[in-house]
């Protein structure tokens, strides 16, 4: 993953903790801030400022990749969730009422009282209405855009 250097703010400062005189005399600790995401990585493990900077940049890349993976996984989950629906009664597509011999397609508001022939495969009337409804929707979308 490439990171634009203009998106980074790099600060150097003196390390803290054990390490002898070099800790007190050199600015070897590095803090890298990725401006677009706000992720901050601080590294003071190595004696060299250069090594700390490289290590901080590696950690930053890993965190940015992790954020990107999470974002993509979340988008995929949202897509799946929108396709599946909640399964509530209001989302039903078609009802088969055997005692009345009726089939109702709730998407287009069509009720047919010939359940036996539909179950036997006579779907032409039902399919024709659905195709016409789809054409009307497509024309509306074209007119709106």
N, C-alpha and C. Protein backbone atom coordinates (compact mmCIF):
# COMPACT_ATOMS: atom_id res chain seq x y z
N UNK A 1 0.84 -1.18 0.00
CA UNK A 1 0.00 0.00 0.00
C UNK A 1 0.88 1.23 0.00
N UNK A 2 0.62 2.11 -0.94
CA UNK A 2 1.39 3.36 -1.03
C UNK A 2 0.70 4.45 -0.21
N UNK A 3 1.51 5.17 0.53
CA UNK A 3 1.01 6.29 1.33
C UNK A 3 1.63 7.56 0.79
N UNK A 4 0.81 8.55 0.51
CA UNK A 4 1.28 9.83 0.00
C UNK A 4 2.02 10.56 1.12
N UNK A 5 3.28 10.93 0.90
CA UNK A 5 4.04 11.64 1.94
C UNK A 5 3.38 12.95 2.38
N UNK A 6 2.58 13.55 1.51
CA UNK A 6 1.89 14.79 1.88
C UNK A 6 0.80 14.53 2.92
N UNK A 7 0.35 13.28 3.05
CA UNK A 7 -0.68 12.93 4.03
C UNK A 7 -0.10 12.62 5.41
N UNK A 8 1.23 12.70 5.54
CA UNK A 8 1.87 12.34 6.79
C UNK A 8 2.40 13.56 7.53
N UNK A 9 2.29 13.50 8.84
CA UNK A 9 2.95 14.49 9.69
C UNK A 9 3.90 13.68 10.57
N UNK A 10 5.19 13.99 10.46
CA UNK A 10 6.20 13.22 11.18
C UNK A 10 6.86 14.12 12.21
N UNK A 11 6.79 13.69 13.47
CA UNK A 11 7.43 14.41 14.58
C UNK A 11 8.53 13.53 15.15
N UNK A 12 9.63 14.16 15.53
CA UNK A 12 10.71 13.43 16.21
C UNK A 12 10.91 14.04 17.58
N UNK A 13 11.26 13.19 18.54
CA UNK A 13 11.47 13.66 19.90
C UNK A 13 12.38 12.68 20.62
N UNK A 14 12.78 13.04 21.81
CA UNK A 14 13.68 12.17 22.58
C UNK A 14 12.89 11.01 23.18
N UNK A 15 13.51 9.85 23.14
CA UNK A 15 12.90 8.66 23.70
C UNK A 15 12.87 8.76 25.21
N UNK A 16 12.03 7.95 25.81
CA UNK A 16 11.98 7.89 27.27
C UNK A 16 12.32 6.47 27.70
N UNK A 17 12.64 6.31 28.94
CA UNK A 17 12.92 4.98 29.47
C UNK A 17 14.40 4.68 29.49
N UNK A 18 14.75 3.42 29.79
CA UNK A 18 16.15 3.04 29.90
C UNK A 18 16.84 3.08 28.54
N UNK A 19 18.15 3.30 28.56
CA UNK A 19 18.88 3.31 27.31
C UNK A 19 20.18 4.06 27.42
N UNK A 20 20.47 4.62 28.55
CA UNK A 20 21.75 5.29 28.74
C UNK A 20 21.75 6.69 28.18
N UNK A 21 22.95 7.19 27.89
CA UNK A 21 23.10 8.57 27.47
C UNK A 21 22.46 8.85 26.12
N UNK A 22 22.43 7.87 25.23
CA UNK A 22 21.89 8.13 23.90
C UNK A 22 20.43 8.53 23.95
N UNK A 23 19.70 8.05 24.94
CA UNK A 23 18.29 8.41 25.10
C UNK A 23 18.17 9.90 25.39
N UNK A 24 19.07 10.42 26.19
CA UNK A 24 18.97 11.81 26.62
C UNK A 24 19.53 12.80 25.60
N UNK A 25 20.30 12.33 24.63
CA UNK A 25 20.99 13.27 23.73
C UNK A 25 20.52 13.26 22.29
N UNK A 26 19.76 12.23 21.88
CA UNK A 26 19.35 12.17 20.48
C UNK A 26 17.83 12.13 20.36
N UNK A 27 17.34 12.76 19.31
CA UNK A 27 15.90 12.71 19.01
C UNK A 27 15.65 11.49 18.13
N UNK A 28 15.50 10.32 18.76
CA UNK A 28 15.38 9.08 17.98
C UNK A 28 13.94 8.56 17.92
N UNK A 29 13.06 9.01 18.78
CA UNK A 29 11.66 8.55 18.75
C UNK A 29 10.92 9.26 17.62
N UNK A 30 9.98 8.55 17.00
CA UNK A 30 9.24 9.09 15.85
C UNK A 30 7.75 8.91 16.08
N UNK A 31 6.99 9.95 15.78
CA UNK A 31 5.53 9.89 15.80
C UNK A 31 5.05 10.23 14.39
N UNK A 32 4.32 9.30 13.76
CA UNK A 32 3.80 9.49 12.41
C UNK A 32 2.28 9.60 12.51
N UNK A 33 1.73 10.69 11.98
CA UNK A 33 0.29 10.90 11.96
C UNK A 33 -0.20 10.88 10.52
N UNK A 34 -1.17 10.01 10.25
CA UNK A 34 -1.78 9.96 8.92
C UNK A 34 -2.97 10.91 8.94
N UNK A 35 -2.84 12.04 8.27
CA UNK A 35 -3.85 13.11 8.36
C UNK A 35 -5.25 12.68 7.91
N UNK A 36 -5.41 11.99 6.77
CA UNK A 36 -6.78 11.64 6.34
C UNK A 36 -7.53 10.74 7.32
N UNK A 37 -6.83 9.78 7.92
CA UNK A 37 -7.51 8.83 8.80
C UNK A 37 -7.38 9.19 10.27
N UNK A 38 -6.40 10.01 10.61
CA UNK A 38 -6.19 10.37 12.01
C UNK A 38 -5.44 9.31 12.80
N UNK A 39 -4.91 8.30 12.14
CA UNK A 39 -4.16 7.24 12.83
C UNK A 39 -2.79 7.77 13.22
N UNK A 40 -2.41 7.54 14.48
CA UNK A 40 -1.12 7.99 14.99
C UNK A 40 -0.32 6.77 15.42
N UNK A 41 0.94 6.70 14.96
CA UNK A 41 1.83 5.60 15.32
C UNK A 41 3.09 6.21 15.92
N UNK A 42 3.46 5.75 17.10
CA UNK A 42 4.68 6.21 17.76
C UNK A 42 5.62 5.03 17.91
N UNK A 43 6.90 5.26 17.60
CA UNK A 43 7.87 4.18 17.71
C UNK A 43 9.16 4.73 18.32
N UNK A 44 9.64 4.08 19.37
CA UNK A 44 10.91 4.45 19.99
C UNK A 44 11.69 3.21 20.40
N UNK A 45 11.46 2.11 19.66
CA UNK A 45 12.09 0.84 20.00
C UNK A 45 13.56 0.78 19.62
N UNK A 46 13.91 1.42 18.51
CA UNK A 46 15.28 1.33 17.99
C UNK A 46 16.09 2.54 18.44
N UNK A 47 17.43 2.42 18.29
CA UNK A 47 18.30 3.54 18.64
C UNK A 47 18.32 4.61 17.56
N UNK A 48 18.07 4.21 16.33
CA UNK A 48 18.18 5.12 15.20
C UNK A 48 16.82 5.73 14.85
N UNK A 49 16.82 7.02 14.57
CA UNK A 49 15.60 7.70 14.15
C UNK A 49 15.09 7.11 12.84
N UNK A 50 16.00 6.81 11.93
CA UNK A 50 15.64 6.23 10.63
C UNK A 50 14.93 4.89 10.82
N UNK A 51 15.50 4.02 11.67
CA UNK A 51 14.89 2.71 11.91
C UNK A 51 13.51 2.85 12.55
N UNK A 52 13.38 3.79 13.49
CA UNK A 52 12.09 4.02 14.12
C UNK A 52 11.06 4.53 13.12
N UNK A 53 11.51 5.39 12.22
CA UNK A 53 10.60 5.93 11.20
C UNK A 53 10.12 4.80 10.28
N UNK A 54 11.03 3.95 9.83
CA UNK A 54 10.66 2.84 8.95
C UNK A 54 9.69 1.89 9.65
N UNK A 55 9.96 1.61 10.92
CA UNK A 55 9.09 0.71 11.68
C UNK A 55 7.71 1.33 11.87
N UNK A 56 7.66 2.62 12.16
CA UNK A 56 6.38 3.32 12.33
C UNK A 56 5.58 3.32 11.03
N UNK A 57 6.26 3.51 9.90
CA UNK A 57 5.57 3.49 8.61
C UNK A 57 5.03 2.10 8.28
N UNK A 58 5.77 1.05 8.64
CA UNK A 58 5.27 -0.32 8.43
C UNK A 58 4.01 -0.57 9.27
N UNK A 59 4.05 -0.11 10.51
CA UNK A 59 2.89 -0.28 11.39
C UNK A 59 1.70 0.52 10.85
N UNK A 60 1.95 1.72 10.38
CA UNK A 60 0.89 2.55 9.81
C UNK A 60 0.26 1.88 8.60
N UNK A 61 1.09 1.34 7.71
CA UNK A 61 0.56 0.64 6.53
C UNK A 61 -0.32 -0.53 6.96
N UNK A 62 0.13 -1.28 7.96
CA UNK A 62 -0.64 -2.43 8.43
C UNK A 62 -1.99 -1.97 9.00
N UNK A 63 -1.98 -0.89 9.74
CA UNK A 63 -3.25 -0.39 10.32
C UNK A 63 -4.18 0.13 9.24
N UNK A 64 -3.62 0.81 8.24
CA UNK A 64 -4.45 1.31 7.15
C UNK A 64 -5.05 0.17 6.34
N UNK A 65 -4.26 -0.89 6.10
CA UNK A 65 -4.78 -2.06 5.39
C UNK A 65 -5.89 -2.73 6.20
N UNK A 66 -5.70 -2.81 7.51
CA UNK A 66 -6.71 -3.40 8.37
C UNK A 66 -8.01 -2.58 8.32
N UNK A 67 -7.89 -1.26 8.36
CA UNK A 67 -9.07 -0.39 8.26
C UNK A 67 -9.77 -0.59 6.93
N UNK A 68 -9.00 -0.70 5.85
CA UNK A 68 -9.58 -0.90 4.52
C UNK A 68 -10.30 -2.24 4.45
N UNK A 69 -9.70 -3.29 5.01
CA UNK A 69 -10.35 -4.60 5.02
C UNK A 69 -11.66 -4.55 5.79
N UNK A 70 -11.64 -3.89 6.95
CA UNK A 70 -12.86 -3.77 7.75
C UNK A 70 -13.94 -3.01 6.99
N UNK A 71 -13.54 -1.93 6.31
CA UNK A 71 -14.50 -1.13 5.55
C UNK A 71 -15.14 -1.96 4.44
N UNK A 72 -14.31 -2.72 3.71
CA UNK A 72 -14.83 -3.55 2.62
C UNK A 72 -15.74 -4.66 3.15
N UNK A 73 -15.33 -5.28 4.25
CA UNK A 73 -16.17 -6.33 4.84
C UNK A 73 -17.51 -5.76 5.30
N UNK A 74 -17.49 -4.56 5.84
CA UNK A 74 -18.72 -3.91 6.28
C UNK A 74 -19.63 -3.61 5.09
N UNK A 75 -19.04 -3.13 3.99
CA UNK A 75 -19.82 -2.87 2.78
C UNK A 75 -20.45 -4.15 2.25
N UNK A 76 -19.68 -5.23 2.23
CA UNK A 76 -20.21 -6.52 1.77
C UNK A 76 -21.35 -6.99 2.66
N UNK A 77 -21.18 -6.83 3.97
CA UNK A 77 -22.23 -7.24 4.90
C UNK A 77 -23.49 -6.42 4.68
N UNK A 78 -23.34 -5.13 4.43
CA UNK A 78 -24.50 -4.28 4.17
C UNK A 78 -25.21 -4.70 2.88
N UNK A 79 -24.42 -5.03 1.83
CA UNK A 79 -25.02 -5.48 0.57
C UNK A 79 -25.81 -6.76 0.78
N UNK A 80 -25.20 -7.72 1.50
CA UNK A 80 -25.88 -8.98 1.75
C UNK A 80 -27.16 -8.76 2.55
N UNK A 81 -27.05 -7.91 3.56
CA UNK A 81 -28.21 -7.66 4.42
C UNK A 81 -29.35 -7.03 3.62
N UNK A 82 -29.02 -6.12 2.71
CA UNK A 82 -30.06 -5.48 1.92
C UNK A 82 -30.70 -6.47 0.94
N UNK A 83 -29.94 -7.46 0.48
CA UNK A 83 -30.48 -8.44 -0.45
C UNK A 83 -31.35 -9.48 0.25
N UNK A 84 -30.97 -9.82 1.48
CA UNK A 84 -31.69 -10.87 2.18
C UNK A 84 -33.01 -10.36 2.74
N UNK A 85 -33.02 -9.18 3.31
CA UNK A 85 -34.23 -8.64 3.90
C UNK A 85 -34.44 -9.20 5.29
N UNK A 86 -35.52 -8.79 5.91
CA UNK A 86 -35.76 -9.18 7.30
C UNK A 86 -36.63 -10.42 7.41
N UNK A 87 -37.33 -10.80 6.35
CA UNK A 87 -38.19 -11.97 6.40
C UNK A 87 -39.55 -11.68 7.00
N UNK A 88 -39.89 -10.43 7.19
CA UNK A 88 -41.18 -10.09 7.77
C UNK A 88 -42.28 -10.26 6.73
N UNK A 89 -43.51 -10.30 7.19
CA UNK A 89 -44.65 -10.49 6.30
C UNK A 89 -44.78 -9.39 5.26
N UNK A 90 -44.34 -8.19 5.61
CA UNK A 90 -44.48 -7.07 4.67
C UNK A 90 -43.57 -7.23 3.45
N UNK A 91 -42.61 -8.13 3.51
CA UNK A 91 -41.70 -8.34 2.39
C UNK A 91 -42.11 -9.50 1.50
N UNK A 92 -43.28 -10.06 1.73
CA UNK A 92 -43.68 -11.23 0.94
C UNK A 92 -43.89 -10.85 -0.52
N UNK A 93 -43.60 -11.78 -1.39
CA UNK A 93 -43.69 -11.56 -2.83
C UNK A 93 -45.01 -12.13 -3.36
N UNK A 94 -45.30 -13.34 -2.96
CA UNK A 94 -46.47 -14.00 -3.53
C UNK A 94 -47.14 -14.85 -2.45
N UNK A 95 -48.47 -14.91 -2.49
CA UNK A 95 -49.24 -15.72 -1.55
C UNK A 95 -50.04 -16.76 -2.34
N UNK A 96 -50.01 -18.00 -1.88
CA UNK A 96 -50.78 -19.08 -2.48
C UNK A 96 -51.87 -19.47 -1.49
N UNK A 97 -53.13 -19.21 -1.84
CA UNK A 97 -54.25 -19.51 -0.95
C UNK A 97 -54.99 -20.72 -1.54
N UNK A 98 -54.72 -21.89 -0.98
CA UNK A 98 -55.27 -23.13 -1.52
C UNK A 98 -56.79 -23.25 -1.32
N UNK A 99 -57.33 -22.90 -0.14
CA UNK A 99 -58.78 -23.04 0.02
C UNK A 99 -59.58 -22.20 -0.99
N UNK A 100 -59.06 -21.02 -1.36
CA UNK A 100 -59.77 -20.16 -2.30
C UNK A 100 -59.29 -20.36 -3.74
N UNK A 101 -58.22 -21.12 -3.95
CA UNK A 101 -57.68 -21.34 -5.28
C UNK A 101 -57.08 -20.05 -5.86
N UNK A 102 -56.48 -19.24 -5.02
CA UNK A 102 -56.02 -17.91 -5.42
C UNK A 102 -54.51 -17.79 -5.28
N UNK A 103 -53.89 -17.06 -6.23
CA UNK A 103 -52.48 -16.69 -6.16
C UNK A 103 -52.44 -15.18 -6.24
N UNK A 104 -51.74 -14.55 -5.29
CA UNK A 104 -51.61 -13.09 -5.29
C UNK A 104 -50.14 -12.74 -5.37
N UNK A 105 -49.77 -11.91 -6.35
CA UNK A 105 -48.41 -11.39 -6.44
C UNK A 105 -48.45 -9.98 -5.85
N UNK A 106 -47.81 -9.80 -4.70
CA UNK A 106 -47.89 -8.55 -3.95
C UNK A 106 -47.06 -7.43 -4.57
N UNK A 107 -46.10 -7.76 -5.43
CA UNK A 107 -45.28 -6.73 -6.06
C UNK A 107 -46.08 -5.88 -7.03
N UNK A 108 -47.04 -6.53 -7.72
CA UNK A 108 -47.84 -5.81 -8.72
C UNK A 108 -49.31 -5.74 -8.36
N UNK A 109 -49.69 -6.33 -7.24
CA UNK A 109 -51.08 -6.28 -6.79
C UNK A 109 -52.02 -7.10 -7.66
N UNK A 110 -51.56 -8.23 -8.16
CA UNK A 110 -52.36 -9.08 -9.04
C UNK A 110 -52.83 -10.31 -8.29
N UNK A 111 -54.15 -10.57 -8.36
CA UNK A 111 -54.72 -11.80 -7.78
C UNK A 111 -55.36 -12.60 -8.90
N UNK A 112 -55.00 -13.86 -9.00
CA UNK A 112 -55.55 -14.77 -10.00
C UNK A 112 -56.21 -15.93 -9.28
N UNK A 113 -57.42 -16.29 -9.71
CA UNK A 113 -58.15 -17.39 -9.09
C UNK A 113 -58.03 -18.65 -9.94
N UNK A 114 -56.80 -19.03 -10.21
CA UNK A 114 -56.56 -20.29 -10.96
C UNK A 114 -55.26 -20.92 -10.45
N UNK A 115 -55.25 -21.20 -9.18
CA UNK A 115 -54.09 -21.77 -8.51
C UNK A 115 -53.66 -23.10 -9.13
N UNK A 116 -54.63 -23.96 -9.46
CA UNK A 116 -54.29 -25.28 -10.00
C UNK A 116 -53.52 -25.17 -11.31
N UNK A 117 -53.95 -24.28 -12.22
CA UNK A 117 -53.26 -24.16 -13.50
C UNK A 117 -51.89 -23.49 -13.33
N UNK A 118 -51.76 -22.58 -12.38
CA UNK A 118 -50.46 -21.94 -12.13
C UNK A 118 -49.47 -22.97 -11.58
N UNK A 119 -49.95 -23.81 -10.68
CA UNK A 119 -49.07 -24.86 -10.13
C UNK A 119 -48.70 -25.87 -11.21
N UNK A 120 -49.58 -26.06 -12.18
CA UNK A 120 -49.27 -26.97 -13.30
C UNK A 120 -48.32 -26.34 -14.31
N UNK A 121 -48.00 -25.04 -14.16
CA UNK A 121 -47.01 -24.42 -15.02
C UNK A 121 -47.55 -23.34 -15.95
N UNK A 122 -48.81 -23.01 -15.86
CA UNK A 122 -49.38 -21.95 -16.71
C UNK A 122 -49.09 -20.59 -16.07
N UNK A 123 -47.87 -20.08 -16.30
CA UNK A 123 -47.41 -18.85 -15.65
C UNK A 123 -47.44 -17.63 -16.56
N UNK A 124 -47.92 -17.80 -17.79
CA UNK A 124 -47.84 -16.72 -18.78
C UNK A 124 -48.48 -15.42 -18.30
N UNK A 125 -49.69 -15.48 -17.78
CA UNK A 125 -50.39 -14.26 -17.35
C UNK A 125 -49.63 -13.57 -16.21
N UNK A 126 -49.14 -14.34 -15.29
CA UNK A 126 -48.39 -13.79 -14.16
C UNK A 126 -47.08 -13.17 -14.62
N UNK A 127 -46.38 -13.84 -15.49
CA UNK A 127 -45.10 -13.34 -15.99
C UNK A 127 -45.29 -12.10 -16.86
N UNK A 128 -46.33 -12.07 -17.68
CA UNK A 128 -46.58 -10.91 -18.54
C UNK A 128 -46.79 -9.65 -17.71
N UNK A 129 -47.55 -9.76 -16.63
CA UNK A 129 -47.79 -8.60 -15.76
C UNK A 129 -46.49 -8.13 -15.11
N UNK A 130 -45.66 -9.07 -14.68
CA UNK A 130 -44.38 -8.70 -14.06
C UNK A 130 -43.44 -8.03 -15.07
N UNK A 131 -43.41 -8.52 -16.29
CA UNK A 131 -42.57 -7.92 -17.33
C UNK A 131 -43.04 -6.50 -17.63
N UNK A 132 -44.34 -6.32 -17.74
CA UNK A 132 -44.88 -4.98 -18.00
C UNK A 132 -44.56 -4.02 -16.85
N UNK A 133 -44.68 -4.50 -15.63
CA UNK A 133 -44.34 -3.66 -14.48
C UNK A 133 -42.87 -3.26 -14.50
N UNK A 134 -41.99 -4.18 -14.88
CA UNK A 134 -40.57 -3.88 -14.97
C UNK A 134 -40.29 -2.85 -16.05
N UNK A 135 -40.98 -2.95 -17.19
CA UNK A 135 -40.82 -1.97 -18.26
C UNK A 135 -41.23 -0.57 -17.80
N UNK A 136 -42.35 -0.49 -17.09
CA UNK A 136 -42.83 0.80 -16.59
C UNK A 136 -41.82 1.40 -15.62
N UNK A 137 -41.27 0.59 -14.75
CA UNK A 137 -40.25 1.08 -13.79
C UNK A 137 -39.01 1.59 -14.52
N UNK A 138 -38.57 0.85 -15.53
CA UNK A 138 -37.37 1.25 -16.29
C UNK A 138 -37.62 2.57 -17.01
N UNK A 139 -38.81 2.73 -17.59
CA UNK A 139 -39.14 3.99 -18.27
C UNK A 139 -39.18 5.17 -17.29
N UNK A 140 -39.73 4.93 -16.10
CA UNK A 140 -39.75 5.98 -15.08
C UNK A 140 -38.35 6.39 -14.67
N UNK A 141 -37.48 5.41 -14.48
CA UNK A 141 -36.10 5.72 -14.10
C UNK A 141 -35.39 6.50 -15.20
N UNK A 142 -35.63 6.15 -16.44
CA UNK A 142 -35.01 6.87 -17.55
C UNK A 142 -35.55 8.30 -17.62
N UNK A 143 -36.83 8.48 -17.37
CA UNK A 143 -37.43 9.82 -17.42
C UNK A 143 -36.91 10.70 -16.28
N UNK A 144 -36.65 10.08 -15.10
CA UNK A 144 -36.16 10.84 -13.95
C UNK A 144 -34.71 11.27 -14.12
N UNK A 145 -33.93 10.51 -14.86
CA UNK A 145 -32.51 10.85 -15.00
C UNK A 145 -32.22 11.61 -16.26
